Amino acid sequence: MKIKVRRRQLRTISAATVGMILLSGCSLDNQYGRIGMPEPATEEGNRILSLWQGSWLAALIVGVLVWGLLLWAIVAYRRKEGDGLPEQVRYNVPLEILYTIVPLMMILVLFYFTQRDQTILTKLDNSQTHSVNVVGWRWSWAFNYDDENVYDVGTPGQPPVLWLPVDEKVKFELTSPDVIHSFWIPAFLMKMDVVPGRNNQFAVTPNTEGVFKGKCAELCGVDHSRMLFDVKVVSRAEYDAHMADLKERGQVGKIDSGRSEVAGVS
């Protein structure tokens, strides 16, 4: 009797512990709730974060169910002394149908939400306030601020800084003269490949002031690890002042995707 009571208490404590762990990650502001993702710094980031969380939640539910069934089968059907050869089952049509339909439905549901969010996030309606042409090459970046007709360019030894105004929508056009790169700003929860001969585009609205790290996320050669840049999200007044500073320095015009026109690149 005491053993049964202790087992019940153990199950209750275990369930309560698991529940508290899961509930502790329900808030978007909780680092465990974000499941490794940084806190979103754009308006679009929460949609990406929700998709990430939903995918992990589905995986957790399936994992717990599978682990539970495996442990139950191991304990309940373990071979005991004196047991003979168990009944051999060759096939079971209802179970095989279930094993096929359930995973297929899960994949279709995940596909639906992924496709829905991807369509929304990559849709361009020309409602942006600013346009920035990003040129990625081995092994740095150039940023052309199309509306202000100025540019900034970096080198592997001196990463450039991408300046953006807070709470204003920015469209990025990604180009490359050499190999495939990948434009990634982790805090924006957005990453897109930079492909030679193709203009990939996306738009985001930064809503948090600060300095964020950016990098190339596609292995592109010897100095791939040095292909870094910073992103500085500032007030509109600070942004305008920086654009004026670029003009004063003579960085007027546009760096195109030809490597010969990028200063300091050999």
C-alpha atoms as a PDB file:
ATOM      1  CA  MET A   1       0.000   0.000   0.000  1.00  0.00           C
ATOM      2  CA  LYS A   2       2.812   2.395   0.935  1.00  0.00           C
ATOM      3  CA  ILE A   3       4.548   1.570  -2.334  1.00  0.00           C
ATOM      4  CA  LYS A   4       1.414   2.480  -4.336  1.00  0.00           C
ATOM      5  CA  VAL A   5       1.034   5.773  -2.464  1.00  0.00           C
ATOM      6  CA  ARG A   6       4.675   6.638  -3.080  1.00  0.00           C
ATOM      7  CA  ARG A   7       4.286   5.838  -6.760  1.00  0.00           C
ATOM      8  CA  ARG A   8       1.264   8.135  -6.987  1.00  0.00           C
ATOM      9  CA  GLN A   9       3.162  10.905  -5.234  1.00  0.00           C
ATOM     10  CA  LEU A  10       6.126  10.426  -7.558  1.00  0.00           C
ATOM     11  CA  ARG A  11       3.876  10.635 -10.621  1.00  0.00           C
ATOM     12  CA  THR A  12       2.187  13.771  -9.273  1.00  0.00           C
ATOM     13  CA  ILE A  13       5.503  15.473  -8.524  1.00  0.00           C
ATOM     14  CA  SER A  14       6.901  14.511 -11.940  1.00  0.00           C
ATOM     15  CA  ALA A  15       3.823  15.830 -13.748  1.00  0.00           C
ATOM     16  CA  ALA A  16       3.915  19.075 -11.767  1.00  0.00           C
ATOM     17  CA  THR A  17       7.607  19.544 -12.514  1.00  0.00           C
ATOM     18  CA  VAL A  18       7.118  19.005 -16.250  1.00  0.00           C
ATOM     19  CA  GLY A  19       4.137  21.370 -16.205  1.00  0.00           C
ATOM     20  CA  MET A  20       6.095  24.141 -14.504  1.00  0.00           C
ATOM     21  CA  ILE A  21       8.955  23.747 -16.969  1.00  0.00           C
ATOM     22  CA  LEU A  22       6.587  24.008 -19.932  1.00  0.00           C
ATOM     23  CA  LEU A  23       4.645  26.935 -18.474  1.00  0.00           C
ATOM     24  CA  SER A  24       7.856  28.816 -17.735  1.00  0.00           C
ATOM     25  CA  GLY A  25       8.477  29.046 -21.477  1.00  0.00           C
ATOM     26  CA  CYS A  26       5.057  30.353 -22.517  1.00  0.00           C
ATOM     27  CA  SER A  27       6.033  34.033 -22.635  1.00  0.00           C
ATOM     28  CA  LEU A  28       7.652  35.482 -25.760  1.00  0.00           C
ATOM     29  CA  ASP A  29       9.882  37.525 -23.454  1.00  0.00           C
ATOM     30  CA  ASN A  30      11.315  34.382 -21.863  1.00  0.00           C
ATOM     31  CA  GLN A  31      14.558  33.127 -23.423  1.00  0.00           C
ATOM     32  CA  TYR A  32      13.416  29.529 -22.952  1.00  0.00           C
ATOM     33  CA  GLY A  33      10.087  30.382 -24.574  1.00  0.00           C
ATOM     34  CA  ARG A  34      11.971  31.617 -27.633  1.00  0.00           C
ATOM     35  CA  ILE A  35      13.740  28.227 -27.835  1.00  0.00           C
ATOM     36  CA  GLY A  36      17.157  29.629 -28.702  1.00  0.00           C
ATOM     37  CA  MET A  37      15.930  32.455 -30.907  1.00  0.00           C
ATOM     38  CA  PRO A  38      16.985  36.050 -30.129  1.00  0.00           C
ATOM     39  CA  GLU A  39      14.354  38.583 -29.134  1.00  0.00           C
ATOM     40  CA  PRO A  40      12.828  39.903 -32.404  1.00  0.00           C
ATOM     41  CA  ALA A  41      13.948  43.409 -33.395  1.00  0.00           C
ATOM     42  CA  THR A  42      11.455  43.836 -36.258  1.00  0.00           C
ATOM     43  CA  GLU A  43       7.685  43.883 -36.632  1.00  0.00           C
ATOM     44  CA  GLU A  44       7.875  40.746 -38.774  1.00  0.00           C
ATOM     45  CA  GLY A  45       9.994  38.864 -36.245  1.00  0.00           C
ATOM     46  CA  ASN A  46       7.119  37.737 -34.021  1.00  0.00           C
ATOM     47  CA  ARG A  47       5.493  35.860 -36.915  1.00  0.00           C
ATOM     48  CA  ILE A  48       8.729  33.971 -37.556  1.00  0.00           C
ATOM     49  CA  LEU A  49       9.141  33.296 -33.844  1.00  0.00           C
ATOM     50  CA  SER A  50       5.584  31.938 -33.590  1.00  0.00           C
ATOM     51  CA  LEU A  51       6.237  29.540 -36.480  1.00  0.00           C
ATOM     52  CA  TRP A  52       9.469  28.408 -34.807  1.00  0.00           C
ATOM     53  CA  GLN A  53       7.732  27.859 -31.468  1.00  0.00           C
ATOM     54  CA  GLY A  54       4.814  26.005 -33.060  1.00  0.00           C
ATOM     55  CA  SER A  55       7.150  23.663 -34.933  1.00  0.00           C
ATOM     56  CA  TRP A  56       9.074  22.853 -31.759  1.00  0.00           C
ATOM     57  CA  LEU A  57       5.854  22.356 -29.784  1.00  0.00           C
ATOM     58  CA  ALA A  58       4.592  19.881 -32.390  1.00  0.00           C
ATOM     59  CA  ALA A  59       7.945  18.067 -32.312  1.00  0.00           C
ATOM     60  CA  LEU A  60       7.851  17.962 -28.496  1.00  0.00           C
ATOM     61  CA  ILE A  61       4.343  16.484 -28.426  1.00  0.00           C
ATOM     62  CA  VAL A  62       5.263  13.817 -30.974  1.00  0.00           C
ATOM     63  CA  GLY A  63       8.522  13.089 -29.160  1.00  0.00           C
ATOM     64  CA  VAL A  64       6.868  12.688 -25.756  1.00  0.00           C
ATOM     65  CA  LEU A  65       4.209  10.416 -27.272  1.00  0.00           C
ATOM     66  CA  VAL A  66       6.781   8.237 -29.043  1.00  0.00           C
ATOM     67  CA  TRP A  67       9.084   8.064 -26.008  1.00  0.00           C
ATOM     68  CA  GLY A  68       6.137   7.215 -23.784  1.00  0.00           C
ATOM     69  CA  LEU A  69       4.976   4.402 -26.065  1.00  0.00           C
ATOM     70  CA  LEU A  70       8.508   3.025 -26.323  1.00  0.00           C
ATOM     71  CA  LEU A  71       8.997   3.011 -22.551  1.00  0.00           C
ATOM     72  CA  TRP A  72       5.550   1.491 -22.019  1.00  0.00           C
ATOM     73  CA  ALA A  73       6.286  -1.293 -24.529  1.00  0.00           C
ATOM     74  CA  ILE A  74       9.671  -1.976 -22.927  1.00  0.00           C
ATOM     75  CA  VAL A  75       8.201  -2.237 -19.428  1.00  0.00           C
ATOM     76  CA  ALA A  76       4.843  -3.869 -20.160  1.00  0.00           C
ATOM     77  CA  TYR A  77       6.083  -6.440 -22.656  1.00  0.00           C
ATOM     78  CA  ARG A  78       9.522  -7.241 -21.317  1.00  0.00           C
ATOM     79  CA  ARG A  79      10.326 -10.899 -21.494  1.00  0.00           C
ATOM     80  CA  LYS A  80       9.850 -12.753 -18.244  1.00  0.00           C
ATOM     81  CA  GLU A  81      11.413 -15.993 -17.131  1.00  0.00           C
ATOM     82  CA  GLY A  82       9.623 -18.934 -18.683  1.00  0.00           C
ATOM     83  CA  ASP A  83       8.056 -16.941 -21.539  1.00  0.00           C
ATOM     84  CA  GLY A  84       8.096 -18.610 -24.906  1.00  0.00           C
ATOM     85  CA  LEU A  85       8.362 -17.042 -28.340  1.00  0.00           C
ATOM     86  CA  PRO A  86       5.735 -14.265 -28.597  1.00  0.00           C
ATOM     87  CA  GLU A  87       3.097 -14.278 -31.292  1.00  0.00           C
ATOM     88  CA  GLN A  88       4.546 -13.092 -34.602  1.00  0.00           C
ATOM     89  CA  VAL A  89       2.520 -10.410 -36.383  1.00  0.00           C
ATOM     90  CA  ARG A  90       3.266  -9.950 -40.070  1.00  0.00           C
ATOM     91  CA  TYR A  91       1.009  -7.003 -40.834  1.00  0.00           C
ATOM     92  CA  ASN A  92      -1.936  -5.046 -39.541  1.00  0.00           C
ATOM     93  CA  VAL A  93      -3.785  -3.032 -42.175  1.00  0.00           C
ATOM     94  CA  PRO A  94      -5.559  -0.573 -39.810  1.00  0.00           C
ATOM     95  CA  LEU A  95      -2.295   0.192 -37.991  1.00  0.00           C
ATOM     96  CA  GLU A  96      -0.379   0.615 -41.238  1.00  0.00           C
ATOM     97  CA  ILE A  97      -3.019   3.048 -42.502  1.00  0.00           C
ATOM     98  CA  LEU A  98      -2.798   4.945 -39.207  1.00  0.00           C
ATOM     99  CA  TYR A  99       1.011   5.050 -39.403  1.00  0.00           C
ATOM    100  CA  THR A 100       0.717   6.563 -42.899  1.00  0.00           C
ATOM    101  CA  ILE A 101      -2.153   9.016 -42.425  1.00  0.00           C
ATOM    102  CA  VAL A 102      -1.073  10.593 -39.108  1.00  0.00           C
ATOM    103  CA  PRO A 103       2.482  11.595 -40.192  1.00  0.00           C
ATOM    104  CA  LEU A 104       1.126  12.805 -43.538  1.00  0.00           C
ATOM    105  CA  MET A 105      -1.439  15.030 -41.806  1.00  0.00           C
ATOM    106  CA  MET A 106       1.233  16.439 -39.491  1.00  0.00           C
ATOM    107  CA  ILE A 107       3.504  17.280 -42.421  1.00  0.00           C
ATOM    108  CA  LEU A 108       0.639  18.931 -44.317  1.00  0.00           C
ATOM    109  CA  VAL A 109      -0.264  21.082 -41.303  1.00  0.00           C
ATOM    110  CA  LEU A 110       3.351  22.215 -40.848  1.00  0.00           C
ATOM    111  CA  PHE A 111       3.610  22.848 -44.595  1.00  0.00           C
ATOM    112  CA  TYR A 112       0.456  24.998 -44.517  1.00  0.00           C
ATOM    113  CA  PHE A 113       1.674  27.271 -41.720  1.00  0.00           C
ATOM    114  CA  THR A 114       5.184  27.514 -43.207  1.00  0.00           C
ATOM    115  CA  GLN A 115       3.887  28.391 -46.666  1.00  0.00           C
ATOM    116  CA  ARG A 116       1.370  30.871 -45.234  1.00  0.00           C
ATOM    117  CA  ASP A 117       3.980  32.756 -43.212  1.00  0.00           C
ATOM    118  CA  GLN A 118       6.600  32.626 -45.961  1.00  0.00           C
ATOM    119  CA  THR A 119       4.141  34.110 -48.454  1.00  0.00           C
ATOM    120  CA  ILE A 120       3.288  36.964 -46.083  1.00  0.00           C
ATOM    121  CA  LEU A 121       6.916  37.665 -45.154  1.00  0.00           C
ATOM    122  CA  THR A 122       8.274  37.681 -48.710  1.00  0.00           C
ATOM    123  CA  LYS A 123       5.413  39.632 -50.286  1.00  0.00           C
ATOM    124  CA  LEU A 124       6.549  43.025 -51.575  1.00  0.00           C
ATOM    125  CA  ASP A 125       3.939  45.767 -51.964  1.00  0.00           C
ATOM    126  CA  ASN A 126       6.266  48.748 -52.519  1.00  0.00           C
ATOM    127  CA  SER A 127       5.082  50.335 -49.272  1.00  0.00           C
ATOM    128  CA  GLN A 128       8.643  50.654 -47.983  1.00  0.00           C
ATOM    129  CA  THR A 129      10.058  53.994 -46.872  1.00  0.00           C
ATOM    130  CA  HIS A 130      13.652  53.114 -47.799  1.00  0.00           C
ATOM    131  CA  SER A 131      15.429  50.814 -50.259  1.00  0.00           C
ATOM    132  CA  VAL A 132      18.893  49.380 -49.674  1.00  0.00           C
ATOM    133  CA  ASN A 133      20.835  47.437 -52.290  1.00  0.00           C
ATOM    134  CA  VAL A 134      23.123  44.954 -50.519  1.00  0.00           C
ATOM    135  CA  VAL A 135      26.137  43.776 -52.530  1.00  0.00           C
ATOM    136  CA  GLY A 136      27.870  40.718 -51.079  1.00  0.00           C
ATOM    137  CA  TRP A 137      31.203  39.570 -52.467  1.00  0.00           C
ATOM    138  CA  ARG A 138      34.252  37.653 -51.291  1.00  0.00           C
ATOM    139  CA  TRP A 139      34.593  38.741 -48.503  1.00  0.00           C
ATOM    140  CA  SER A 140      32.671  41.782 -47.384  1.00  0.00           C
ATOM    141  CA  TRP A 141      29.592  43.906 -48.054  1.00  0.00           C
ATOM    142  CA  ALA A 142      28.571  47.163 -49.707  1.00  0.00           C
ATOM    143  CA  PHE A 143      25.335  48.983 -48.864  1.00  0.00           C
ATOM    144  CA  ASN A 144      23.742  51.282 -51.448  1.00  0.00           C
ATOM    145  CA  TYR A 145      21.130  53.593 -49.950  1.00  0.00           C
ATOM    146  CA  ASP A 146      19.083  54.051 -53.110  1.00  0.00           C
ATOM    147  CA  ASP A 147      16.797  56.847 -51.909  1.00  0.00           C
ATOM    148  CA  GLU A 148      19.670  58.990 -50.615  1.00  0.00           C
ATOM    149  CA  ASN A 149      22.058  58.074 -53.487  1.00  0.00           C
ATOM    150  CA  VAL A 150      24.936  57.272 -51.128  1.00  0.00           C
ATOM    151  CA  TYR A 151      26.813  54.096 -50.258  1.00  0.00           C
ATOM    152  CA  ASP A 152      29.060  52.516 -47.653  1.00  0.00           C
ATOM    153  CA  VAL A 153      31.493  49.668 -48.194  1.00  0.00           C
ATOM    154  CA  GLY A 154      33.574  47.444 -45.952  1.00  0.00           C
ATOM    155  CA  THR A 155      36.517  45.076 -46.092  1.00  0.00           C
ATOM    156  CA  PRO A 156      37.242  41.788 -44.291  1.00  0.00           C
ATOM    157  CA  GLY A 157      39.403  43.728 -41.846  1.00  0.00           C
ATOM    158  CA  GLN A 158      36.904  46.556 -41.349  1.00  0.00           C
ATOM    159  CA  PRO A 159      33.280  45.354 -41.447  1.00  0.00           C
ATOM    160  CA  PRO A 160      30.782  47.970 -42.676  1.00  0.00           C
ATOM    161  CA  VAL A 161      27.840  49.331 -40.690  1.00  0.00           C
ATOM    162  CA  LEU A 162      24.313  49.229 -42.096  1.00  0.00           C
ATOM    163  CA  TRP A 163      22.298  52.184 -40.779  1.00  0.00           C
ATOM    164  CA  LEU A 164      18.500  51.888 -40.583  1.00  0.00           C
ATOM    165  CA  PRO A 165      15.815  54.214 -39.176  1.00  0.00           C
ATOM    166  CA  VAL A 166      13.596  52.759 -36.467  1.00  0.00           C
ATOM    167  CA  ASP A 167       9.898  52.089 -37.183  1.00  0.00           C
ATOM    168  CA  GLU A 168      10.298  52.618 -40.942  1.00  0.00           C
ATOM    169  CA  LYS A 169       9.934  49.838 -43.494  1.00  0.00           C
ATOM    170  CA  VAL A 170      13.080  48.978 -45.456  1.00  0.00           C
ATOM    171  CA  LYS A 171      13.321  46.865 -48.605  1.00  0.00           C
ATOM    172  CA  PHE A 172      16.563  44.976 -49.222  1.00  0.00           C
ATOM    173  CA  GLU A 173      17.705  43.983 -52.717  1.00  0.00           C
ATOM    174  CA  LEU A 174      20.490  41.390 -52.578  1.00  0.00           C
ATOM    175  CA  THR A 175      23.093  40.999 -55.348  1.00  0.00           C
ATOM    176  CA  SER A 176      26.485  39.301 -55.742  1.00  0.00           C
ATOM    177  CA  PRO A 177      29.188  39.347 -58.443  1.00  0.00           C
ATOM    178  CA  ASP A 178      30.914  36.074 -57.584  1.00  0.00           C
ATOM    179  CA  VAL A 179      29.487  33.206 -55.514  1.00  0.00           C
ATOM    180  CA  ILE A 180      26.440  32.521 -53.367  1.00  0.00           C
ATOM    181  CA  HIS A 181      26.407  34.322 -50.033  1.00  0.00           C
ATOM    182  CA  SER A 182      23.665  34.625 -47.421  1.00  0.00           C
ATOM    183  CA  PHE A 183      22.566  37.894 -45.811  1.00  0.00           C
ATOM    184  CA  TRP A 184      21.721  37.163 -42.174  1.00  0.00           C
ATOM    185  CA  ILE A 185      20.805  39.452 -39.293  1.00  0.00           C
ATOM    186  CA  PRO A 186      19.959  37.080 -36.402  1.00  0.00           C
ATOM    187  CA  ALA A 187      18.040  39.708 -34.399  1.00  0.00           C
ATOM    188  CA  PHE A 188      15.762  40.310 -37.411  1.00  0.00           C
ATOM    189  CA  LEU A 189      15.012  36.549 -37.646  1.00  0.00           C
ATOM    190  CA  MET A 190      15.450  36.878 -41.413  1.00  0.00           C
ATOM    191  CA  LYS A 191      18.023  35.288 -43.701  1.00  0.00           C
ATOM    192  CA  MET A 192      18.094  35.229 -47.488  1.00  0.00           C
ATOM    193  CA  ASP A 193      20.611  33.948 -50.029  1.00  0.00           C
ATOM    194  CA  VAL A 194      22.583  36.371 -52.196  1.00  0.00           C
ATOM    195  CA  VAL A 195      22.795  34.666 -55.593  1.00  0.00           C
ATOM    196  CA  PRO A 196      24.826  35.910 -58.607  1.00  0.00           C
ATOM    197  CA  GLY A 197      22.555  36.941 -61.473  1.00  0.00           C
ATOM    198  CA  ARG A 198      19.450  37.023 -59.298  1.00  0.00           C
ATOM    199  CA  ASN A 199      17.924  39.877 -57.286  1.00  0.00           C
ATOM    200  CA  ASN A 200      16.450  38.423 -54.114  1.00  0.00           C
ATOM    201  CA  GLN A 201      14.361  40.872 -52.104  1.00  0.00           C
ATOM    202  CA  PHE A 202      12.599  41.155 -48.766  1.00  0.00           C
ATOM    203  CA  ALA A 203      11.332  43.931 -46.504  1.00  0.00           C
ATOM    204  CA  VAL A 204      11.299  44.424 -42.731  1.00  0.00           C
ATOM    205  CA  THR A 205      10.414  47.165 -40.264  1.00  0.00           C
ATOM    206  CA  PRO A 206      13.014  47.501 -37.474  1.00  0.00           C
ATOM    207  CA  ASN A 207      11.233  48.456 -34.248  1.00  0.00           C
ATOM    208  CA  THR A 208      14.073  48.353 -31.710  1.00  0.00           C
ATOM    209  CA  GLU A 209      16.951  50.808 -31.569  1.00  0.00           C
ATOM    210  CA  GLY A 210      20.399  49.360 -30.996  1.00  0.00           C
ATOM    211  CA  VAL A 211      23.388  47.713 -32.646  1.00  0.00           C
ATOM    212  CA  PHE A 212      22.958  44.193 -34.033  1.00  0.00           C
ATOM    213  CA  LYS A 213      25.352  41.734 -35.627  1.00  0.00           C
ATOM    214  CA  GLY A 214      25.118  40.515 -39.194  1.00  0.00           C
ATOM    215  CA  LYS A 215      27.086  37.939 -41.144  1.00  0.00           C
ATOM    216  CA  CYS A 216      27.261  35.719 -44.193  1.00  0.00           C
ATOM    217  CA  ALA A 217      25.567  32.403 -43.466  1.00  0.00           C
ATOM    218  CA  GLU A 218      26.741  30.570 -46.598  1.00  0.00           C
ATOM    219  CA  LEU A 219      30.207  28.989 -46.735  1.00  0.00           C
ATOM    220  CA  CYS A 220      31.727  31.056 -49.534  1.00  0.00           C
ATOM    221  CA  GLY A 221      35.492  30.612 -49.353  1.00  0.00           C
ATOM    222  CA  VAL A 222      38.655  31.180 -47.352  1.00  0.00           C
ATOM    223  CA  ASP A 223      37.558  34.340 -45.518  1.00  0.00           C
ATOM    224  CA  HIS A 224      33.903  33.425 -45.073  1.00  0.00           C
ATOM    225  CA  SER A 225      34.219  33.813 -41.292  1.00  0.00           C
ATOM    226  CA  ARG A 226      35.352  37.433 -41.731  1.00  0.00           C
ATOM    227  CA  MET A 227      32.354  38.413 -43.857  1.00  0.00           C
ATOM    228  CA  LEU A 228      30.716  40.388 -41.067  1.00  0.00           C
ATOM    229  CA  PHE A 229      28.800  43.639 -40.663  1.00  0.00           C
ATOM    230  CA  ASP A 230      26.951  45.596 -37.995  1.00  0.00           C
ATOM    231  CA  VAL A 231      23.413  46.948 -38.143  1.00  0.00           C
ATOM    232  CA  LYS A 232      22.678  50.194 -36.329  1.00  0.00           C
ATOM    233  CA  VAL A 233      18.978  51.005 -35.876  1.00  0.00           C
ATOM    234  CA  VAL A 234      18.623  54.663 -34.904  1.00  0.00           C
ATOM    235  CA  SER A 235      16.160  57.542 -34.834  1.00  0.00           C
ATOM    236  CA  ARG A 236      15.270  59.259 -38.101  1.00  0.00           C
ATOM    237  CA  ALA A 237      17.316  62.325 -37.128  1.00  0.00           C
ATOM    238  CA  GLU A 238      20.449  60.215 -36.551  1.00  0.00           C
ATOM    239  CA  TYR A 239      19.825  58.341 -39.801  1.00  0.00           C
ATOM    240  CA  ASP A 240      19.529  61.572 -41.810  1.00  0.00           C
ATOM    241  CA  ALA A 241      22.694  62.913 -40.181  1.00  0.00           C
ATOM    242  CA  HIS A 242      24.626  59.786 -41.197  1.00  0.00           C
ATOM    243  CA  MET A 243      23.369  60.008 -44.784  1.00  0.00           C
ATOM    244  CA  ALA A 244      24.572  63.629 -44.886  1.00  0.00           C
ATOM    245  CA  ASP A 245      27.938  62.518 -43.503  1.00  0.00           C
ATOM    246  CA  LEU A 246      28.330  59.937 -46.283  1.00  0.00           C
ATOM    247  CA  LYS A 247      27.680  62.679 -48.851  1.00  0.00           C
ATOM    248  CA  GLU A 248      30.281  64.929 -47.248  1.00  0.00           C
ATOM    249  CA  ARG A 249      32.812  62.097 -47.481  1.00  0.00           C
ATOM    250  CA  GLY A 250      32.150  61.830 -51.205  1.00  0.00           C
ATOM    251  CA  GLN A 251      30.467  58.422 -51.027  1.00  0.00           C
ATOM    252  CA  VAL A 252      27.843  59.460 -53.549  1.00  0.00           C
ATOM    253  CA  GLY A 253      26.413  57.170 -56.195  1.00  0.00           C
ATOM    254  CA  LYS A 254      26.224  53.416 -56.170  1.00  0.00           C
ATOM    255  CA  ILE A 255      28.588  50.476 -55.866  1.00  0.00           C
ATOM    256  CA  ASP A 256      27.342  47.971 -58.419  1.00  0.00           C
ATOM    257  CA  SER A 257      27.952  44.234 -58.372  1.00  0.00           C
ATOM    258  CA  GLY A 258      31.301  44.480 -60.193  1.00  0.00           C
ATOM    259  CA  ARG A 259      34.209  43.603 -57.898  1.00  0.00           C
ATOM    260  CA  SER A 260      36.520  46.024 -59.679  1.00  0.00           C
ATOM    261  CA  GLU A 261      34.419  48.933 -58.416  1.00  0.00           C
ATOM    262  CA  VAL A 262      34.624  47.936 -54.769  1.00  0.00           C
ATOM    263  CA  ALA A 263      37.499  49.741 -53.094  1.00  0.00           C
ATOM    264  CA  GLY A 264      40.039  47.645 -51.279  1.00  0.00           C
ATOM    265  CA  VAL A 265      39.059  44.332 -52.879  1.00  0.00           C
ATOM    266  CA  SER A 266      41.651  42.318 -54.753  1.00  0.00           C
END
